N, C-alpha and C. Protein backbone atom coordinates (compact mmCIF):
# COMPACT_ATOMS: atom_id res chain seq x y z
N MET A 1 99.43 103.74 125.47
CA MET A 1 100.07 102.66 125.04
C MET A 1 100.04 101.18 124.87
N LEU A 2 99.10 100.20 123.79
CA LEU A 2 99.10 98.85 122.98
C LEU A 2 100.04 98.26 123.21
N THR A 3 99.73 97.41 124.04
CA THR A 3 100.85 96.13 124.23
C THR A 3 99.94 94.32 123.69
N LEU A 4 100.91 93.84 123.17
CA LEU A 4 100.82 93.02 122.25
C LEU A 4 101.33 92.05 123.09
N PRO A 5 101.07 90.77 123.62
CA PRO A 5 102.00 89.32 123.82
C PRO A 5 102.56 88.60 122.37
N ILE A 6 103.85 88.42 122.62
CA ILE A 6 104.02 87.38 121.15
C ILE A 6 104.73 86.64 122.05
N LYS A 7 105.13 85.38 120.85
CA LYS A 7 105.82 84.00 121.18
C LYS A 7 106.91 84.45 120.84
N LYS A 8 107.82 83.94 122.17
CA LYS A 8 109.25 84.05 121.89
C LYS A 8 109.88 83.53 120.98
N LYS A 9 109.78 82.90 119.81
CA LYS A 9 109.99 83.08 119.07
C LYS A 9 110.06 84.19 117.95
N TRP A 10 108.74 84.49 117.82
CA TRP A 10 109.23 86.08 117.03
C TRP A 10 109.47 87.27 117.53
N PHE A 11 109.47 86.83 119.08
CA PHE A 11 109.49 88.26 119.80
C PHE A 11 111.01 88.35 119.53
N ASP A 12 111.94 87.32 119.51
CA ASP A 12 113.75 86.92 119.76
C ASP A 12 114.17 87.47 117.95
N MET A 13 113.22 86.97 116.76
CA MET A 13 113.16 86.90 115.24
C MET A 13 113.11 88.46 115.42
N ILE A 14 112.19 89.40 115.53
CA ILE A 14 111.87 90.67 116.07
C ILE A 14 113.24 91.83 116.36
N LEU A 15 113.41 91.18 117.60
CA LEU A 15 114.36 91.87 118.22
C LEU A 15 115.83 92.38 117.39
N SER A 16 116.15 90.63 116.74
CA SER A 16 117.09 90.43 115.77
C SER A 16 117.50 91.54 114.72
N GLY A 17 116.11 91.75 113.84
CA GLY A 17 115.70 92.41 112.65
C GLY A 17 115.31 91.42 111.82
N GLU A 18 115.50 89.89 111.86
CA GLU A 18 115.00 89.21 110.93
C GLU A 18 113.63 89.30 110.66
N LYS A 19 112.48 88.86 111.32
CA LYS A 19 111.56 89.63 110.81
C LYS A 19 110.66 90.83 111.52
N LYS A 20 110.04 91.60 110.35
CA LYS A 20 110.12 92.84 109.76
C LYS A 20 108.22 93.22 110.39
N GLU A 21 107.29 91.94 110.26
CA GLU A 21 105.99 92.15 110.63
C GLU A 21 105.56 90.87 111.73
N GLU A 22 104.55 91.77 112.05
CA GLU A 22 103.57 91.00 112.89
C GLU A 22 102.04 90.99 112.55
N TYR A 23 101.62 89.92 112.74
CA TYR A 23 100.28 89.36 111.97
C TYR A 23 99.40 89.27 113.42
N ARG A 24 98.27 90.26 113.11
CA ARG A 24 97.05 89.85 113.53
C ARG A 24 96.01 89.45 113.25
N GLU A 25 95.09 88.86 113.39
CA GLU A 25 93.47 88.19 113.15
C GLU A 25 93.29 89.04 112.94
N ILE A 26 91.93 89.61 112.02
CA ILE A 26 91.22 90.39 111.58
C ILE A 26 89.72 90.11 111.82
N LYS A 27 89.38 90.72 113.07
CA LYS A 27 88.45 90.49 113.83
C LYS A 27 88.18 91.51 115.45
N PRO A 28 87.27 91.79 115.35
CA PRO A 28 86.66 93.20 115.85
C PRO A 28 87.50 93.35 117.19
N TYR A 29 88.40 92.35 117.93
CA TYR A 29 88.74 92.86 119.08
C TYR A 29 89.89 93.56 118.67
N TYR A 30 91.29 93.43 117.82
CA TYR A 30 92.09 94.17 116.76
C TYR A 30 92.03 95.17 116.72
N SER A 31 90.00 95.01 115.57
CA SER A 31 89.27 96.49 115.06
C SER A 31 89.75 97.33 115.54
N ARG A 32 88.99 97.04 117.21
CA ARG A 32 88.74 98.29 117.74
C ARG A 32 90.00 98.70 117.88
N ARG A 33 90.62 98.11 118.93
CA ARG A 33 92.34 98.41 119.47
C ARG A 33 93.17 99.30 118.06
N PHE A 34 93.46 98.72 117.01
CA PHE A 34 94.38 99.19 115.98
C PHE A 34 93.82 100.03 115.45
N PHE A 35 92.61 100.46 114.66
CA PHE A 35 91.75 101.71 114.08
C PHE A 35 91.74 102.78 115.70
N SER A 36 91.69 102.76 116.72
CA SER A 36 91.60 103.67 117.64
C SER A 36 93.06 104.28 117.22
N LEU A 37 93.87 103.61 117.63
CA LEU A 37 95.54 104.00 117.95
C LEU A 37 95.98 104.39 116.50
N PHE A 38 95.51 103.81 115.38
CA PHE A 38 96.22 104.42 113.80
C PHE A 38 94.89 105.77 113.68
N ASP A 39 94.11 106.41 114.27
CA ASP A 39 93.24 106.90 113.80
C ASP A 39 92.30 106.31 112.21
N VAL A 40 91.88 104.91 111.91
CA VAL A 40 91.70 104.64 110.70
C VAL A 40 90.13 105.16 111.07
N VAL A 41 89.89 105.68 109.80
CA VAL A 41 88.58 106.34 108.99
C VAL A 41 87.84 105.34 108.16
N ASP A 42 88.30 104.48 107.22
CA ASP A 42 87.37 103.69 107.05
C ASP A 42 88.64 102.63 106.73
N VAL A 43 87.44 100.95 106.28
CA VAL A 43 88.96 100.15 106.06
C VAL A 43 87.56 99.30 105.12
N TYR A 44 88.13 98.96 103.73
CA TYR A 44 87.57 98.33 102.90
C TYR A 44 88.70 97.30 102.05
N LYS A 45 89.15 96.33 102.26
CA LYS A 45 90.38 95.48 101.85
C LYS A 45 91.35 96.84 101.75
N GLY A 46 91.58 96.75 102.22
CA GLY A 46 93.07 97.90 102.64
C GLY A 46 92.52 98.73 104.01
N VAL A 47 93.40 99.30 104.38
CA VAL A 47 93.11 100.01 105.39
C VAL A 47 93.38 101.99 104.76
N LEU A 48 92.60 102.63 105.31
CA LEU A 48 92.47 104.22 105.19
C LEU A 48 93.05 104.94 105.75
N ILE A 49 93.99 105.33 106.15
CA ILE A 49 94.10 106.27 107.44
C ILE A 49 93.78 107.60 107.01
N ASN A 50 93.93 108.60 108.29
CA ASN A 50 93.36 109.47 108.87
C ASN A 50 94.37 110.56 107.20
N PRO A 51 93.32 111.42 106.71
CA PRO A 51 93.85 111.86 105.30
C PRO A 51 95.16 113.06 105.88
N PHE A 52 94.95 113.08 107.36
CA PHE A 52 96.12 114.21 107.14
C PHE A 52 97.63 113.82 107.60
N GLU A 53 97.37 112.29 107.37
CA GLU A 53 99.11 111.92 108.45
C GLU A 53 99.13 110.72 107.20
N GLU A 54 100.25 110.70 106.54
CA GLU A 54 100.70 109.64 105.54
C GLU A 54 101.31 108.84 106.80
N ASN A 55 100.81 107.80 106.61
CA ASN A 55 101.21 105.96 106.83
C ASN A 55 101.86 106.65 108.42
N PRO A 56 101.30 106.81 109.32
CA PRO A 56 101.54 107.37 110.48
C PRO A 56 102.32 106.02 111.12
N LYS A 57 103.54 105.99 112.06
CA LYS A 57 103.95 105.14 112.90
C LYS A 57 103.26 105.56 114.49
N ARG A 58 103.01 104.36 114.61
CA ARG A 58 102.52 104.66 116.30
C ARG A 58 103.64 103.25 116.49
N GLU A 59 103.94 104.07 118.14
CA GLU A 59 104.56 102.59 119.59
C GLU A 59 103.31 101.40 119.69
N ILE A 60 104.09 100.54 119.91
CA ILE A 60 103.78 99.26 120.41
C ILE A 60 104.58 98.76 121.00
N MET A 61 103.90 98.04 122.19
CA MET A 61 104.75 97.86 123.16
C MET A 61 104.64 96.21 122.41
N PHE A 62 105.54 95.48 122.52
CA PHE A 62 105.71 93.54 122.34
C PHE A 62 105.97 92.86 123.63
N ARG A 63 104.86 92.24 124.06
CA ARG A 63 105.75 91.60 125.59
C ARG A 63 106.00 89.98 125.51
N ASN A 64 107.01 89.35 125.76
CA ASN A 64 106.87 87.81 125.27
C ASN A 64 106.39 87.32 126.87
N GLY A 65 105.11 86.97 127.06
CA GLY A 65 103.93 87.14 128.05
C GLY A 65 102.87 87.42 128.14
N TYR A 66 102.72 87.62 129.54
CA TYR A 66 100.90 88.07 129.53
C TYR A 66 101.42 88.47 131.13
N ARG A 67 102.39 88.33 131.90
CA ARG A 67 102.84 88.96 133.32
C ARG A 67 103.45 90.88 132.77
N LYS A 68 103.51 91.60 133.62
CA LYS A 68 104.02 92.61 133.75
C LYS A 68 105.93 93.06 133.36
N ASN A 69 106.34 91.84 134.74
CA ASN A 69 107.71 92.09 133.72
C ASN A 69 108.50 90.98 133.25
N SER A 70 107.57 90.33 132.16
CA SER A 70 107.41 89.11 130.58
C SER A 70 108.78 90.45 130.31
N PRO A 71 109.62 89.95 129.15
CA PRO A 71 110.12 90.66 128.78
C PRO A 71 110.07 91.26 127.71
N SER A 72 109.84 92.54 127.12
CA SER A 72 109.34 93.55 125.83
C SER A 72 110.04 94.45 125.32
N PHE A 73 109.66 95.22 124.38
CA PHE A 73 109.95 95.96 124.26
C PHE A 73 109.21 96.83 123.42
N ILE A 74 109.29 98.29 122.85
CA ILE A 74 108.73 99.76 122.17
C ILE A 74 108.94 99.17 120.80
N ALA A 75 108.13 98.58 119.77
CA ALA A 75 108.44 99.37 118.65
C ALA A 75 108.07 100.52 117.77
N ARG A 76 107.98 101.29 116.89
CA ARG A 76 107.01 102.20 116.05
C ARG A 76 106.54 100.84 114.74
N CYS A 77 105.41 101.16 114.93
CA CYS A 77 104.79 100.69 113.55
C CYS A 77 103.66 101.15 112.47
N THR A 78 103.46 100.62 111.75
CA THR A 78 102.97 101.19 110.69
C THR A 78 101.95 99.91 110.49
N LEU A 79 100.47 100.39 110.21
CA LEU A 79 99.51 99.45 109.56
C LEU A 79 99.08 98.79 108.52
N SER A 80 98.61 98.27 108.20
CA SER A 80 97.76 97.54 106.77
C SER A 80 97.35 96.78 106.80
N ILE A 81 96.64 95.98 105.77
CA ILE A 81 96.24 94.53 105.80
C ILE A 81 96.61 94.12 104.35
N GLY A 82 96.87 93.17 105.14
CA GLY A 82 97.28 92.14 103.35
C GLY A 82 97.75 90.73 103.50
N MET A 83 98.57 89.82 103.19
CA MET A 83 98.93 88.20 103.34
C MET A 83 100.34 88.14 104.13
N GLY A 84 100.14 87.99 104.78
CA GLY A 84 101.80 87.61 105.61
C GLY A 84 102.25 86.50 105.19
N LYS A 85 103.90 86.72 105.68
CA LYS A 85 104.45 85.26 105.14
C LYS A 85 104.76 84.39 106.38
N GLU A 86 104.06 83.23 104.99
CA GLU A 86 104.42 82.18 105.78
C GLU A 86 106.04 81.38 106.91
N GLU A 87 106.90 82.10 106.32
CA GLU A 87 108.25 82.03 107.12
C GLU A 87 107.95 82.74 109.19
N TRP A 88 107.22 83.66 108.74
CA TRP A 88 106.89 84.77 109.85
C TRP A 88 106.08 84.51 110.96
N GLY A 89 104.90 82.85 110.25
CA GLY A 89 103.66 82.59 111.01
C GLY A 89 102.75 83.15 110.14
N ALA A 90 102.26 83.38 109.45
CA ALA A 90 100.72 83.11 108.88
C ALA A 90 100.86 82.65 107.92
N GLU A 91 99.31 81.89 107.87
CA GLU A 91 99.13 80.69 107.16
C GLU A 91 98.49 81.44 105.92
N PRO A 92 98.94 80.64 104.28
CA PRO A 92 98.69 81.10 103.47
C PRO A 92 97.05 80.67 103.33
N GLY A 93 97.23 82.59 102.43
CA GLY A 93 96.31 82.68 101.64
C GLY A 93 95.00 83.32 102.87
N GLU A 94 95.23 83.64 103.61
CA GLU A 94 94.83 84.59 105.19
C GLU A 94 95.02 86.09 104.87
N GLU A 95 93.92 87.00 105.09
CA GLU A 95 94.45 88.06 105.14
C GLU A 95 94.82 88.57 106.74
N TYR A 96 95.45 89.32 107.38
CA TYR A 96 96.02 89.76 108.34
C TYR A 96 96.30 91.05 108.41
N PHE A 97 95.72 91.88 109.92
CA PHE A 97 96.78 92.85 110.29
C PHE A 97 98.07 92.59 109.95
N VAL A 98 98.63 93.37 109.99
CA VAL A 98 99.81 93.79 109.44
C VAL A 98 101.06 94.70 109.96
N LEU A 99 101.59 94.33 111.43
CA LEU A 99 101.78 95.38 111.53
C LEU A 99 103.36 95.38 111.52
N THR A 100 103.95 96.01 110.81
CA THR A 100 105.29 96.43 110.23
C THR A 100 106.07 97.70 111.03
N VAL A 101 107.01 96.31 111.61
CA VAL A 101 108.43 97.15 112.74
C VAL A 101 108.96 98.04 112.12
N LYS A 102 109.15 99.60 111.86
CA LYS A 102 109.67 100.24 111.45
C LYS A 102 111.29 100.58 112.10
N GLU A 103 111.21 100.60 113.74
CA GLU A 103 112.13 101.21 114.34
C GLU A 103 112.13 100.52 116.22
N ILE A 104 112.84 100.13 116.37
CA ILE A 104 113.21 99.25 117.88
C ILE A 104 113.20 100.33 118.59
N LEU A 105 112.48 100.82 119.88
CA LEU A 105 112.74 102.07 120.12
C LEU A 105 114.17 101.93 121.71
N ASN A 106 112.94 100.33 122.26
CA ASN A 106 113.80 100.08 123.53
C ASN A 106 114.39 98.82 123.66
N ALA A 107 114.75 98.35 124.30
CA ALA A 107 114.64 96.54 124.33
C ALA A 107 115.30 95.99 125.84
């Protein structure tokens, strides 16, 4: 399971249901992790997912901090590439990996 650290503000907003997306920069570090987890076949100005699965949901652990005992939750998410919302931490005009939270499994 992929574990992503997240700041307390965003952690709390996702848990409350106020924030529905988490953003990560489009860099090789995240490309390798997300493409492996989501079975990505190809990428060019968007994400082409394995054709046998339409918009697959994968489980990701979000952790508020880096320690194993830091507060965390597991969520089912989908992956896309796009512009994020400024009120949720995105920079204007920047494209990101967008993890859309579909369901929180435990908190």
